[in-house]
Amino acid sequence: MNEVRIDKWMWATRIFKTRTIAVEACKKNRVAVNDAVVKPSRMVKTGDIIQVRKPPVTYSFKVLDLTVNRVGAKLVSNYLENITPPEQYELLELQKISGFVDRVRGTGRPTKKDRRDLDNFAISDSVDDFDFEFDF
């Protein structure tokens, strides 16, 4: 086996939960091999660099070995090497921290917990809550 379809390989190495999702990502131009956007039928080989954009992060993987059968989570490291730059993970952390502040349009109204968290955030942001002591 010299080459494998990109959609099968990404599903087999657990980058995507289903092969259908892997195909859709390719069709939406979210997958690139060696800096070239690819279709789901693109063949990959050992040594290729795959970039997968899952907003807001772009993950990068190096193909170490090929497989068409789904592997267990512990065995994934035999088939790919994660070479994603640390800056991408910082973007992910920033989004987690911002949380409800940047609500996606169409997600509906905030839950009661979201509302309380938002109120607490707004209240703690006021200047009156802080005790300032100046030593002149």
Protein backbone atom coordinates (compact mmCIF):
# COMPACT_ATOMS: atom_id res chain seq x y z
CA MET A 1 0.00 0.00 0.00
CA ASN A 2 1.82 3.09 -1.28
CA GLU A 3 -1.06 5.56 -1.22
CA VAL A 4 -4.40 6.00 0.55
CA ARG A 5 -7.31 8.38 -0.03
CA ILE A 6 -7.08 11.43 2.23
CA ASP A 7 -10.64 11.07 3.54
CA LYS A 8 -10.09 7.43 4.54
CA TRP A 9 -6.77 8.20 6.20
CA MET A 10 -8.15 11.12 8.22
CA TRP A 11 -11.05 8.97 9.41
CA ALA A 12 -8.79 6.01 10.20
CA THR A 13 -6.40 8.17 12.25
CA ARG A 14 -9.28 9.79 14.16
CA ILE A 15 -8.84 13.33 12.87
CA PHE A 16 -12.54 13.21 12.01
CA LYS A 17 -15.25 11.16 13.71
CA THR A 18 -16.82 9.93 10.48
CA ARG A 19 -15.67 9.62 6.90
CA THR A 20 -18.61 11.75 5.80
CA ILE A 21 -17.35 14.63 7.94
CA ALA A 22 -13.87 14.17 6.44
CA VAL A 23 -15.32 14.36 2.93
CA GLU A 24 -17.30 17.50 3.79
CA ALA A 25 -14.16 19.16 5.20
CA CYS A 26 -12.34 18.45 1.95
CA LYS A 27 -15.22 19.83 -0.11
CA LYS A 28 -15.26 23.02 1.99
CA ASN A 29 -11.53 23.55 1.26
CA ARG A 30 -10.53 22.97 4.89
CA VAL A 31 -7.95 20.27 4.12
CA ALA A 32 -4.61 20.86 2.42
CA VAL A 33 -1.77 18.49 1.60
CA ASN A 34 1.64 20.08 1.21
CA ASP A 35 0.00 23.54 1.08
CA ALA A 36 -2.43 22.60 -1.72
CA VAL A 37 -6.18 22.36 -1.11
CA VAL A 38 -7.36 18.84 -1.95
CA LYS A 39 -10.45 16.88 -2.87
CA PRO A 40 -11.53 13.82 -0.83
CA SER A 41 -10.15 11.44 -3.47
CA ARG A 42 -6.59 12.83 -3.23
CA MET A 43 -4.05 10.13 -2.46
CA VAL A 44 -1.58 10.71 0.37
CA LYS A 45 1.71 8.97 0.99
CA THR A 46 4.19 8.72 3.82
CA GLY A 47 5.92 12.01 4.52
CA ASP A 48 3.09 14.30 3.38
CA ILE A 49 2.14 17.26 5.55
CA ILE A 50 -1.61 17.63 6.06
CA GLN A 51 -3.24 20.83 7.32
CA VAL A 52 -6.78 20.58 8.64
CA ARG A 53 -8.66 23.79 9.43
CA LYS A 54 -11.16 23.38 12.23
CA PRO A 55 -11.94 27.02 13.01
CA PRO A 56 -10.30 28.80 14.74
CA VAL A 57 -7.35 26.37 14.66
CA THR A 58 -5.39 24.94 11.74
CA TYR A 59 -3.91 21.60 12.75
CA SER A 60 -0.84 20.21 10.98
CA PHE A 61 0.03 16.53 10.78
CA LYS A 62 2.89 14.60 9.20
CA VAL A 63 1.96 11.22 7.72
CA LEU A 64 4.19 8.54 9.28
CA ASP A 65 2.37 5.46 8.01
CA LEU A 66 -0.70 4.58 5.95
CA THR A 67 -3.87 2.79 6.98
CA VAL A 68 -7.43 2.41 5.72
CA ASN A 69 -8.72 0.68 8.86
CA ARG A 70 -9.70 2.79 11.86
CA VAL A 71 -7.11 2.46 14.61
CA GLY A 72 -7.43 2.75 18.36
CA ALA A 73 -6.65 6.06 20.01
CA LYS A 74 -3.44 4.69 21.54
CA LEU A 75 -2.13 3.62 18.12
CA VAL A 76 -2.73 6.93 16.32
CA SER A 77 0.79 8.13 17.13
CA ASN A 78 2.17 5.32 14.92
CA TYR A 79 0.43 6.81 11.88
CA LEU A 80 0.75 10.58 12.32
CA GLU A 81 2.87 13.19 14.04
CA ASN A 82 1.17 16.32 15.30
CA ILE A 83 3.28 19.28 14.16
CA THR A 84 0.74 21.99 14.93
CA PRO A 85 2.47 25.22 16.03
CA PRO A 86 1.81 26.32 19.65
CA GLU A 87 0.30 29.60 18.42
CA GLN A 88 -2.67 27.66 17.05
CA TYR A 89 -3.37 26.13 20.46
CA GLU A 90 -3.21 29.62 21.99
CA LEU A 91 -6.02 30.66 19.63
CA LEU A 92 -8.07 27.74 20.90
CA GLU A 93 -7.46 28.75 24.54
CA LEU A 94 -8.42 32.34 23.79
CA GLN A 95 -11.70 31.18 22.31
CA LYS A 96 -12.41 28.99 25.34
CA ILE A 97 -11.70 31.90 27.68
CA SER A 98 -13.91 34.30 25.74
CA GLY A 99 -16.69 31.71 25.91
CA PHE A 100 -20.11 33.32 25.95
CA VAL A 101 -18.87 36.84 25.20
CA ASP A 102 -18.63 36.04 21.48
CA ARG A 103 -21.88 34.16 21.00
CA VAL A 104 -22.36 32.70 17.57
CA ARG A 105 -25.32 34.11 15.73
CA GLY A 106 -28.20 31.67 15.69
CA THR A 107 -27.28 29.77 18.85
CA GLY A 108 -30.34 31.10 20.59
CA ARG A 109 -30.79 32.87 23.87
CA PRO A 110 -28.33 32.40 26.72
CA THR A 111 -29.19 29.79 29.33
CA LYS A 112 -29.78 30.83 32.93
CA LYS A 113 -26.20 29.90 33.78
CA ASP A 114 -24.87 31.92 30.82
CA ARG A 115 -26.96 34.88 31.94
CA ARG A 116 -25.66 34.68 35.54
CA ASP A 117 -22.08 34.37 34.32
CA LEU A 118 -22.57 37.36 32.04
CA ASP A 119 -24.09 39.42 34.86
CA ASN A 120 -21.25 38.47 37.23
CA PHE A 121 -18.71 39.37 34.57
CA ALA A 122 -20.35 42.75 33.96
CA ILE A 123 -20.61 43.50 37.68
CA SER A 124 -17.02 42.53 38.49
CA ASP A 125 -15.81 44.73 35.65
CA SER A 126 -17.03 47.93 37.28
CA VAL A 127 -14.48 50.16 38.99
CA ASP A 128 -16.55 50.43 42.19
CA ASP A 129 -15.81 46.82 43.10
CA PHE A 130 -12.10 47.41 43.44
CA ASP A 131 -10.38 48.99 46.42
CA PHE A 132 -7.63 51.26 45.30
CA GLU A 133 -5.00 52.38 47.75
CA PHE A 134 -2.46 54.89 46.69
CA ASP A 135 0.72 55.50 48.63
CA PHE A 136 2.04 58.93 47.77
